[in-house]
Amino acid sequence: MTVRLAYLLAERRVALEAFLVVTFTTRAAREMRERLERLVGSHVDRVFLGTFHSLRVQLPLSSWYS
């Protein structure tokens, strides 16, 4: 999956903010972020890459109840 993301970023010019990458574990998210940084550079911080739990924390509560 990491190589596909790198391809979309580099070749297809998809915006970093367009990606939502969700994993089951913190370790998997960390490893994927490290691999992606090696492939495309340091701008990976603009991609949401985390666990299902961290995704829930990032979303405002109002979006779940409206």
C-alpha atoms as a PDB file:
ATOM      1  CA  MET A   1       0.000   0.000   0.000  1.00  0.00           C
ATOM      2  CA  THR A   2       2.878   2.366   0.760  1.00  0.00           C
ATOM      3  CA  VAL A   3       4.255   2.117  -2.770  1.00  0.00           C
ATOM      4  CA  ARG A   4       0.804   2.810  -4.213  1.00  0.00           C
ATOM      5  CA  LEU A   5       0.448   5.923  -2.056  1.00  0.00           C
ATOM      6  CA  ALA A   6       3.888   7.110  -3.143  1.00  0.00           C
ATOM      7  CA  TYR A   7       2.915   6.540  -6.784  1.00  0.00           C
ATOM      8  CA  LEU A   8      -0.303   8.534  -6.408  1.00  0.00           C
ATOM      9  CA  LEU A   9       1.578  11.370  -4.733  1.00  0.00           C
ATOM     10  CA  ALA A  10       4.510  11.525  -7.141  1.00  0.00           C
ATOM     11  CA  GLU A  11       3.085  10.474 -10.500  1.00  0.00           C
ATOM     12  CA  ARG A  12      -0.595  11.343 -10.298  1.00  0.00           C
ATOM     13  CA  ARG A  13      -0.083  14.504  -8.225  1.00  0.00           C
ATOM     14  CA  VAL A  14      -2.866  13.658  -5.787  1.00  0.00           C
ATOM     15  CA  ALA A  15      -2.956  16.140  -2.895  1.00  0.00           C
ATOM     16  CA  LEU A  16      -1.527  14.905   0.391  1.00  0.00           C
ATOM     17  CA  GLU A  17      -4.635  16.029   2.234  1.00  0.00           C
ATOM     18  CA  ALA A  18      -6.766  13.690   0.089  1.00  0.00           C
ATOM     19  CA  PHE A  19      -5.426  10.577   1.825  1.00  0.00           C
ATOM     20  CA  LEU A  20      -6.888   8.821   4.824  1.00  0.00           C
ATOM     21  CA  VAL A  21      -4.774   5.823   5.802  1.00  0.00           C
ATOM     22  CA  VAL A  22      -6.115   3.777   8.711  1.00  0.00           C
ATOM     23  CA  THR A  23      -4.405   0.808  10.353  1.00  0.00           C
ATOM     24  CA  PHE A  24      -5.289  -1.446  13.252  1.00  0.00           C
ATOM     25  CA  THR A  25      -2.168  -0.862  15.329  1.00  0.00           C
ATOM     26  CA  THR A  26       0.017   2.078  16.273  1.00  0.00           C
ATOM     27  CA  ARG A  27       3.078   0.112  15.248  1.00  0.00           C
ATOM     28  CA  ALA A  28       1.702  -0.467  11.738  1.00  0.00           C
ATOM     29  CA  ALA A  29       0.862   3.226  11.387  1.00  0.00           C
ATOM     30  CA  ARG A  30       4.339   4.251  12.528  1.00  0.00           C
ATOM     31  CA  GLU A  31       6.038   1.818  10.154  1.00  0.00           C
ATOM     32  CA  MET A  32       3.903   2.931   7.217  1.00  0.00           C
ATOM     33  CA  ARG A  33       4.646   6.595   7.943  1.00  0.00           C
ATOM     34  CA  GLU A  34       8.389   5.839   8.061  1.00  0.00           C
ATOM     35  CA  ARG A  35       8.247   3.977   4.736  1.00  0.00           C
ATOM     36  CA  LEU A  36       6.216   6.736   3.117  1.00  0.00           C
ATOM     37  CA  GLU A  37       8.664   9.381   4.356  1.00  0.00           C
ATOM     38  CA  ARG A  38      11.545   7.441   2.778  1.00  0.00           C
ATOM     39  CA  LEU A  39       9.667   7.277  -0.538  1.00  0.00           C
ATOM     40  CA  VAL A  40       8.199  10.776  -0.848  1.00  0.00           C
ATOM     41  CA  GLY A  41       9.923  13.000   1.696  1.00  0.00           C
ATOM     42  CA  SER A  42       9.059  14.912   4.804  1.00  0.00           C
ATOM     43  CA  HIS A  43       5.674  16.314   3.754  1.00  0.00           C
ATOM     44  CA  VAL A  44       3.955  13.144   4.920  1.00  0.00           C
ATOM     45  CA  ASP A  45       2.732  14.922   8.058  1.00  0.00           C
ATOM     46  CA  ARG A  46      -0.096  16.358   5.929  1.00  0.00           C
ATOM     47  CA  VAL A  47      -1.493  12.839   5.325  1.00  0.00           C
ATOM     48  CA  PHE A  48      -3.742  11.420   8.028  1.00  0.00           C
ATOM     49  CA  LEU A  49      -2.110   8.124   8.851  1.00  0.00           C
ATOM     50  CA  GLY A  50      -3.145   6.458  12.072  1.00  0.00           C
ATOM     51  CA  THR A  51      -5.256   3.864  13.826  1.00  0.00           C
ATOM     52  CA  PHE A  52      -9.029   3.601  13.923  1.00  0.00           C
ATOM     53  CA  HIS A  53      -8.914   4.930  17.472  1.00  0.00           C
ATOM     54  CA  SER A  54      -6.784   7.941  16.572  1.00  0.00           C
ATOM     55  CA  LEU A  55      -9.136   8.706  13.683  1.00  0.00           C
ATOM     56  CA  ARG A  56     -12.044   8.857  16.112  1.00  0.00           C
ATOM     57  CA  VAL A  57     -10.128  11.241  18.370  1.00  0.00           C
ATOM     58  CA  GLN A  58      -9.387  13.526  15.405  1.00  0.00           C
ATOM     59  CA  LEU A  59     -13.032  13.854  14.354  1.00  0.00           C
ATOM     60  CA  PRO A  60     -15.168  16.424  16.135  1.00  0.00           C
ATOM     61  CA  LEU A  61     -17.866  14.935  18.320  1.00  0.00           C
ATOM     62  CA  SER A  62     -20.510  17.037  16.569  1.00  0.00           C
ATOM     63  CA  SER A  63     -19.908  15.178  13.299  1.00  0.00           C
ATOM     64  CA  TRP A  64     -21.079  11.939  14.934  1.00  0.00           C
ATOM     65  CA  TYR A  65     -24.299  13.338  16.364  1.00  0.00           C
ATOM     66  CA  SER A  66     -25.528  15.749  13.715  1.00  0.00           C
END
